[in-house]
Amino acid sequence: MKEIFINEDNLSKNEINEEVIRVKGLIINDKNEILLGYSNNTYQFPGGHLEEGEAISDTLKRKIKE
């Protein structure tokens, strides 16, 4: 698993009061086609945010089904 941190405002750890964990999945079928969603004028891999008490793998399964 790869972690990516985006901090364009150069905040210090002390200035951060909320953490949101999101998951994304890469789905490729047997024709080498990639599944993408389209939302807010952008294409995205399927995924979403982690709900309280939910495992990361369960989040990804839930979001892909949705």
PDB file of N, CA and C in Angstrom:
ATOM      1  N   MET A   1       0.844  -1.165   0.000  1.00  0.00           N
ATOM      2  CA  MET A   1       0.000   0.000   0.000  1.00  0.00           C
ATOM      3  C   MET A   1       0.898   1.240   0.000  1.00  0.00           C
ATOM      4  N   LYS A   2       0.478   2.254  -0.742  1.00  0.00           N
ATOM      5  CA  LYS A   2       1.260   3.477  -0.852  1.00  0.00           C
ATOM      6  C   LYS A   2       0.514   4.606  -0.161  1.00  0.00           C
ATOM      7  N   GLU A   3       1.206   5.374   0.651  1.00  0.00           N
ATOM      8  CA  GLU A   3       0.614   6.535   1.307  1.00  0.00           C
ATOM      9  C   GLU A   3       1.069   7.796   0.592  1.00  0.00           C
ATOM     10  N   ILE A   4       0.109   8.683   0.328  1.00  0.00           N
ATOM     11  CA  ILE A   4       0.419   9.953  -0.327  1.00  0.00           C
ATOM     12  C   ILE A   4      -0.115  11.078   0.556  1.00  0.00           C
ATOM     13  N   PHE A   5       0.729  12.027   0.832  1.00  0.00           N
ATOM     14  CA  PHE A   5       0.332  13.176   1.628  1.00  0.00           C
ATOM     15  C   PHE A   5       0.396  14.421   0.755  1.00  0.00           C
ATOM     16  N   ILE A   6      -0.701  15.159   0.716  1.00  0.00           N
ATOM     17  CA  ILE A   6      -0.743  16.410  -0.033  1.00  0.00           C
ATOM     18  C   ILE A   6      -0.893  17.536   0.987  1.00  0.00           C
ATOM     19  N   ASN A   7       0.062  18.434   1.016  1.00  0.00           N
ATOM     20  CA  ASN A   7       0.084  19.508   1.997  1.00  0.00           C
ATOM     21  C   ASN A   7       0.503  20.797   1.304  1.00  0.00           C
ATOM     22  N   GLU A   8      -0.345  21.273   0.399  1.00  0.00           N
ATOM     23  CA  GLU A   8      -0.007  22.455  -0.399  1.00  0.00           C
ATOM     24  C   GLU A   8       0.109  23.718   0.446  1.00  0.00           C
ATOM     25  N   ASP A   9      -0.527  23.729   1.629  1.00  0.00           N
ATOM     26  CA  ASP A   9      -0.462  24.902   2.499  1.00  0.00           C
ATOM     27  C   ASP A   9       0.717  24.848   3.467  1.00  0.00           C
ATOM     28  N   ASN A  10       1.537  23.793   3.353  1.00  0.00           N
ATOM     29  CA  ASN A  10       2.716  23.620   4.213  1.00  0.00           C
ATOM     30  C   ASN A  10       2.374  23.704   5.697  1.00  0.00           C
ATOM     31  N   LEU A  11       1.308  23.013   6.085  1.00  0.00           N
ATOM     32  CA  LEU A  11       0.898  22.992   7.485  1.00  0.00           C
ATOM     33  C   LEU A  11       1.837  22.113   8.297  1.00  0.00           C
ATOM     34  N   SER A  12       2.053  22.504   9.550  1.00  0.00           N
ATOM     35  CA  SER A  12       2.822  21.654  10.456  1.00  0.00           C
ATOM     36  C   SER A  12       1.869  20.639  11.084  1.00  0.00           C
ATOM     37  N   LYS A  13       2.415  19.597  11.708  1.00  0.00           N
ATOM     38  CA  LYS A  13       1.570  18.582  12.360  1.00  0.00           C
ATOM     39  C   LYS A  13       0.675  19.216  13.419  1.00  0.00           C
ATOM     40  N   ASN A  14       1.151  20.230  14.110  1.00  0.00           N
ATOM     41  CA  ASN A  14       0.372  20.888  15.159  1.00  0.00           C
ATOM     42  C   ASN A  14      -0.832  21.646  14.604  1.00  0.00           C
ATOM     43  N   GLU A  15      -0.784  22.040  13.355  1.00  0.00           N
ATOM     44  CA  GLU A  15      -1.870  22.797  12.742  1.00  0.00           C
ATOM     45  C   GLU A  15      -2.948  21.898  12.143  1.00  0.00           C
ATOM     46  N   ILE A  16      -2.702  20.605  12.088  1.00  0.00           N
ATOM     47  CA  ILE A  16      -3.659  19.666  11.497  1.00  0.00           C
ATOM     48  C   ILE A  16      -4.517  19.075  12.602  1.00  0.00           C
ATOM     49  N   ASN A  17      -5.842  19.269  12.494  1.00  0.00           N
ATOM     50  CA  ASN A  17      -6.741  18.781  13.544  1.00  0.00           C
ATOM     51  C   ASN A  17      -7.715  17.719  13.044  1.00  0.00           C
ATOM     52  N   GLU A  18      -7.580  17.327  11.802  1.00  0.00           N
ATOM     53  CA  GLU A  18      -8.481  16.306  11.253  1.00  0.00           C
ATOM     54  C   GLU A  18      -7.713  15.478  10.224  1.00  0.00           C
ATOM     55  N   GLU A  19      -7.981  14.196  10.236  1.00  0.00           N
ATOM     56  CA  GLU A  19      -7.357  13.299   9.270  1.00  0.00           C
ATOM     57  C   GLU A  19      -8.459  12.528   8.564  1.00  0.00           C
ATOM     58  N   VAL A  20      -8.395  12.495   7.248  1.00  0.00           N
ATOM     59  CA  VAL A  20      -9.365  11.754   6.448  1.00  0.00           C
ATOM     60  C   VAL A  20      -8.597  10.691   5.669  1.00  0.00           C
ATOM     61  N   ILE A  21      -9.014   9.452   5.820  1.00  0.00           N
ATOM     62  CA  ILE A  21      -8.373   8.361   5.100  1.00  0.00           C
ATOM     63  C   ILE A  21      -9.263   7.978   3.931  1.00  0.00           C
ATOM     64  N   ARG A  22      -8.692   7.957   2.734  1.00  0.00           N
ATOM     65  CA  ARG A  22      -9.419   7.594   1.526  1.00  0.00           C
ATOM     66  C   ARG A  22      -8.718   6.419   0.861  1.00  0.00           C
ATOM     67  N   VAL A  23      -9.502   5.624   0.169  1.00  0.00           N
ATOM     68  CA  VAL A  23      -8.949   4.490  -0.573  1.00  0.00           C
ATOM     69  C   VAL A  23      -9.325   4.642  -2.040  1.00  0.00           C
ATOM     70  N   LYS A  24      -8.478   4.140  -2.906  1.00  0.00           N
ATOM     71  CA  LYS A  24      -8.729   4.110  -4.345  1.00  0.00           C
ATOM     72  C   LYS A  24      -8.334   2.740  -4.858  1.00  0.00           C
ATOM     73  N   GLY A  25      -9.075   2.236  -5.841  1.00  0.00           N
ATOM     74  CA  GLY A  25      -8.771   0.934  -6.414  1.00  0.00           C
ATOM     75  C   GLY A  25      -8.525   1.029  -7.903  1.00  0.00           C
ATOM     76  N   LEU A  26      -7.632   0.220  -8.380  1.00  0.00           N
ATOM     77  CA  LEU A  26      -7.349   0.131  -9.807  1.00  0.00           C
ATOM     78  C   LEU A  26      -7.916  -1.196 -10.288  1.00  0.00           C
ATOM     79  N   ILE A  27      -8.919  -1.130 -11.161  1.00  0.00           N
ATOM     80  CA  ILE A  27      -9.587  -2.333 -11.661  1.00  0.00           C
ATOM     81  C   ILE A  27      -9.334  -2.442 -13.158  1.00  0.00           C
ATOM     82  N   ILE A  28      -8.729  -3.557 -13.559  1.00  0.00           N
ATOM     83  CA  ILE A  28      -8.424  -3.817 -14.967  1.00  0.00           C
ATOM     84  C   ILE A  28      -9.087  -5.128 -15.346  1.00  0.00           C
ATOM     85  N   ASN A  29      -9.885  -5.115 -16.429  1.00  0.00           N
ATOM     86  CA  ASN A  29     -10.557  -6.343 -16.850  1.00  0.00           C
ATOM     87  C   ASN A  29      -9.666  -7.162 -17.780  1.00  0.00           C
ATOM     88  N   ASP A  30     -10.207  -8.276 -18.277  1.00  0.00           N
ATOM     89  CA  ASP A  30      -9.395  -9.168 -19.114  1.00  0.00           C
ATOM     90  C   ASP A  30      -9.079  -8.589 -20.490  1.00  0.00           C
ATOM     91  N   LYS A  31      -9.680  -7.449 -20.853  1.00  0.00           N
ATOM     92  CA  LYS A  31      -9.357  -6.762 -22.103  1.00  0.00           C
ATOM     93  C   LYS A  31      -8.383  -5.603 -21.864  1.00  0.00           C
ATOM     94  N   ASN A  32      -7.804  -5.562 -20.658  1.00  0.00           N
ATOM     95  CA  ASN A  32      -6.896  -4.494 -20.242  1.00  0.00           C
ATOM     96  C   ASN A  32      -7.556  -3.115 -20.256  1.00  0.00           C
ATOM     97  N   GLU A  33      -8.870  -3.076 -19.975  1.00  0.00           N
ATOM     98  CA  GLU A  33      -9.586  -1.818 -19.832  1.00  0.00           C
ATOM     99  C   GLU A  33      -9.594  -1.439 -18.352  1.00  0.00           C
ATOM    100  N   ILE A  34      -9.461  -0.158 -18.083  1.00  0.00           N
ATOM    101  CA  ILE A  34      -9.430   0.341 -16.716  1.00  0.00           C
ATOM    102  C   ILE A  34     -10.783   0.968 -16.382  1.00  0.00           C
ATOM    103  N   LEU A  35     -11.299   0.644 -15.180  1.00  0.00           N
ATOM    104  CA  LEU A  35     -12.554   1.222 -14.717  1.00  0.00           C
ATOM    105  C   LEU A  35     -12.285   2.580 -14.081  1.00  0.00           C
ATOM    106  N   LEU A  36     -12.963   3.617 -14.584  1.00  0.00           N
ATOM    107  CA  LEU A  36     -12.868   4.955 -14.032  1.00  0.00           C
ATOM    108  C   LEU A  36     -14.273   5.491 -13.785  1.00  0.00           C
ATOM    109  N   GLY A  37     -14.401   6.310 -12.764  1.00  0.00           N
ATOM    110  CA  GLY A  37     -15.648   7.029 -12.525  1.00  0.00           C
ATOM    111  C   GLY A  37     -15.489   8.465 -12.990  1.00  0.00           C
ATOM    112  N   TYR A  38     -16.604   9.124 -13.278  1.00  0.00           N
ATOM    113  CA  TYR A  38     -16.561  10.520 -13.712  1.00  0.00           C
ATOM    114  C   TYR A  38     -17.410  11.341 -12.753  1.00  0.00           C
ATOM    115  N   SER A  39     -16.791  12.309 -12.094  1.00  0.00           N
ATOM    116  CA  SER A  39     -17.496  13.142 -11.127  1.00  0.00           C
ATOM    117  C   SER A  39     -16.820  14.506 -11.061  1.00  0.00           C
ATOM    118  N   ASN A  40     -17.619  15.540 -10.969  1.00  0.00           N
ATOM    119  CA  ASN A  40     -17.094  16.912 -10.864  1.00  0.00           C
ATOM    120  C   ASN A  40     -16.094  17.246 -11.972  1.00  0.00           C
ATOM    121  N   ASN A  41     -16.429  16.844 -13.192  1.00  0.00           N
ATOM    122  CA  ASN A  41     -15.607  17.121 -14.377  1.00  0.00           C
ATOM    123  C   ASN A  41     -14.223  16.488 -14.338  1.00  0.00           C
ATOM    124  N   THR A  42     -14.054  15.415 -13.564  1.00  0.00           N
ATOM    125  CA  THR A  42     -12.784  14.701 -13.538  1.00  0.00           C
ATOM    126  C   THR A  42     -13.026  13.196 -13.539  1.00  0.00           C
ATOM    127  N   TYR A  43     -12.073  12.463 -14.077  1.00  0.00           N
ATOM    128  CA  TYR A  43     -12.104  11.007 -14.028  1.00  0.00           C
ATOM    129  C   TYR A  43     -11.336  10.554 -12.798  1.00  0.00           C
ATOM    130  N   GLN A  44     -11.855   9.537 -12.128  1.00  0.00           N
ATOM    131  CA  GLN A  44     -11.237   9.063 -10.900  1.00  0.00           C
ATOM    132  C   GLN A  44     -11.311   7.548 -10.818  1.00  0.00           C
ATOM    133  N   PHE A  45     -10.357   6.955 -10.100  1.00  0.00           N
ATOM    134  CA  PHE A  45     -10.462   5.540  -9.771  1.00  0.00           C
ATOM    135  C   PHE A  45     -11.570   5.382  -8.736  1.00  0.00           C
ATOM    136  N   PRO A  46     -12.249   4.224  -8.710  1.00  0.00           N
ATOM    137  CA  PRO A  46     -13.289   4.030  -7.697  1.00  0.00           C
ATOM    138  C   PRO A  46     -12.677   4.022  -6.295  1.00  0.00           C
ATOM    139  N   GLY A  47     -13.401   4.598  -5.351  1.00  0.00           N
ATOM    140  CA  GLY A  47     -12.928   4.632  -3.976  1.00  0.00           C
ATOM    141  C   GLY A  47     -13.733   5.602  -3.146  1.00  0.00           C
ATOM    142  N   GLY A  48     -13.266   5.849  -1.953  1.00  0.00           N
ATOM    143  CA  GLY A  48     -13.963   6.762  -1.063  1.00  0.00           C
ATOM    144  C   GLY A  48     -13.307   6.799   0.299  1.00  0.00           C
ATOM    145  N   HIS A  49     -14.032   7.370   1.275  1.00  0.00           N
ATOM    146  CA  HIS A  49     -13.437   7.560   2.594  1.00  0.00           C
ATOM    147  C   HIS A  49     -13.761   6.400   3.529  1.00  0.00           C
ATOM    148  N   LEU A  50     -12.889   6.222   4.480  1.00  0.00           N
ATOM    149  CA  LEU A  50     -12.994   5.194   5.498  1.00  0.00           C
ATOM    150  C   LEU A  50     -14.045   5.610   6.523  1.00  0.00           C
ATOM    151  N   GLU A  51     -14.972   4.729   6.853  1.00  0.00           N
ATOM    152  CA  GLU A  51     -15.943   5.007   7.904  1.00  0.00           C
ATOM    153  C   GLU A  51     -15.373   4.548   9.245  1.00  0.00           C
ATOM    154  N   GLU A  52     -15.871   5.130  10.320  1.00  0.00           N
ATOM    155  CA  GLU A  52     -15.351   4.814  11.653  1.00  0.00           C
ATOM    156  C   GLU A  52     -15.432   3.320  11.948  1.00  0.00           C
ATOM    157  N   GLY A  53     -14.321   2.748  12.383  1.00  0.00           N
ATOM    158  CA  GLY A  53     -14.264   1.342  12.743  1.00  0.00           C
ATOM    159  C   GLY A  53     -14.162   0.383  11.570  1.00  0.00           C
ATOM    160  N   GLU A  54     -14.040   0.903  10.365  1.00  0.00           N
ATOM    161  CA  GLU A  54     -14.002   0.068   9.156  1.00  0.00           C
ATOM    162  C   GLU A  54     -12.554  -0.211   8.752  1.00  0.00           C
ATOM    163  N   ALA A  55     -12.287  -1.438   8.335  1.00  0.00           N
ATOM    164  CA  ALA A  55     -10.962  -1.788   7.827  1.00  0.00           C
ATOM    165  C   ALA A  55     -10.784  -1.207   6.426  1.00  0.00           C
ATOM    166  N   ILE A  56      -9.563  -0.875   6.066  1.00  0.00           N
ATOM    167  CA  ILE A  56      -9.284  -0.290   4.753  1.00  0.00           C
ATOM    168  C   ILE A  56      -9.749  -1.221   3.636  1.00  0.00           C
ATOM    169  N   SER A  57      -9.485  -2.518   3.766  1.00  0.00           N
ATOM    170  CA  SER A  57      -9.897  -3.460   2.716  1.00  0.00           C
ATOM    171  C   SER A  57     -11.418  -3.516   2.588  1.00  0.00           C
ATOM    172  N   ASP A  58     -12.141  -3.406   3.711  1.00  0.00           N
ATOM    173  CA  ASP A  58     -13.609  -3.399   3.660  1.00  0.00           C
ATOM    174  C   ASP A  58     -14.138  -2.126   3.014  1.00  0.00           C
ATOM    175  N   THR A  59     -13.451  -1.018   3.260  1.00  0.00           N
ATOM    176  CA  THR A  59     -13.841   0.244   2.628  1.00  0.00           C
ATOM    177  C   THR A  59     -13.742   0.137   1.118  1.00  0.00           C
ATOM    178  N   LEU A  60     -12.637  -0.401   0.640  1.00  0.00           N
ATOM    179  CA  LEU A  60     -12.436  -0.524  -0.802  1.00  0.00           C
ATOM    180  C   LEU A  60     -13.485  -1.441  -1.420  1.00  0.00           C
ATOM    181  N   LYS A  61     -13.772  -2.566  -0.786  1.00  0.00           N
ATOM    182  CA  LYS A  61     -14.818  -3.473  -1.298  1.00  0.00           C
ATOM    183  C   LYS A  61     -16.165  -2.769  -1.365  1.00  0.00           C
ATOM    184  N   ARG A  62     -16.501  -2.034  -0.308  1.00  0.00           N
ATOM    185  CA  ARG A  62     -17.792  -1.321  -0.255  1.00  0.00           C
ATOM    186  C   ARG A  62     -17.882  -0.267  -1.342  1.00  0.00           C
ATOM    187  N   LYS A  63     -16.835   0.505  -1.516  1.00  0.00           N
ATOM    188  CA  LYS A  63     -16.874   1.582  -2.496  1.00  0.00           C
ATOM    189  C   LYS A  63     -16.921   1.054  -3.930  1.00  0.00           C
ATOM    190  N   ILE A  64     -16.247  -0.047  -4.192  1.00  0.00           N
ATOM    191  CA  ILE A  64     -16.289  -0.626  -5.533  1.00  0.00           C
ATOM    192  C   ILE A  64     -17.694  -1.150  -5.847  1.00  0.00           C
ATOM    193  N   LYS A  65     -18.347  -1.753  -4.863  1.00  0.00           N
ATOM    194  CA  LYS A  65     -19.724  -2.227  -5.054  1.00  0.00           C
ATOM    195  C   LYS A  65     -20.676  -1.065  -5.317  1.00  0.00           C
ATOM    196  N   GLU A  66     -20.438   0.066  -4.634  1.00  0.00           N
ATOM    197  CA  GLU A  66     -21.305   1.228  -4.823  1.00  0.00           C
ATOM    198  C   GLU A  66     -21.139   1.787  -6.211  1.00  0.00           C
TER     199      GLU A  66
END
